[in-house]
Amino acid sequence: DHQRWTERMPLTRLWNPETAMTSKGSYTFTVISWNVAGLRAFIKKQPDALANLAERYQADVICLQEHKLQDVHLDDPKLKIREHFEEKLGGFESHWSYSTTKKGYSGTAMFIR
C-alpha cells in the first residue's frame, strides 16, 4: 500500500470558529493532508474516505495534493466533482489550484471548515 499513517498525539479541540475572532489566546485545529495521486480515481474507489476522515478526526482543514484536475473538470456535468464535495463535505469551504503549464498535472485543493 502506498499510503502510511503516522503516529499522532490527541489534541484537545479548542478551536471554535464562532468565537475565535473575538477571543484572545491560542487555539489548535486539526489538518488532514493527503496525496490522492488523481482525484477522479480516488473518488471512484473511495467516495466516502474524506468525509469519514473529517468526521473521525474532527478535521478543520483538509489538504489534497496531486488531484490532477483541470479547472473545467470541477464543474463537468459527467464528473460531478463539485457536487460530490458539496454533498460529502458540505460544512467546508473549498479552494482549488490547477497547473496552468501542464494540464492535468499536480494541483492542490483545500477544504476549510
Foldseek 3Di string as FASTA:
>chain_A
DPDDDDDDDDDDAPDDPVCVVPDDDDGDFAEAEEAQQAQLVVCVVPVQVVLVVCVVNVHQKYKYKWNLADPVQCPPPVSVNVVSCCVSVVVWDKDWDADPVDHSTMIMMMTGD
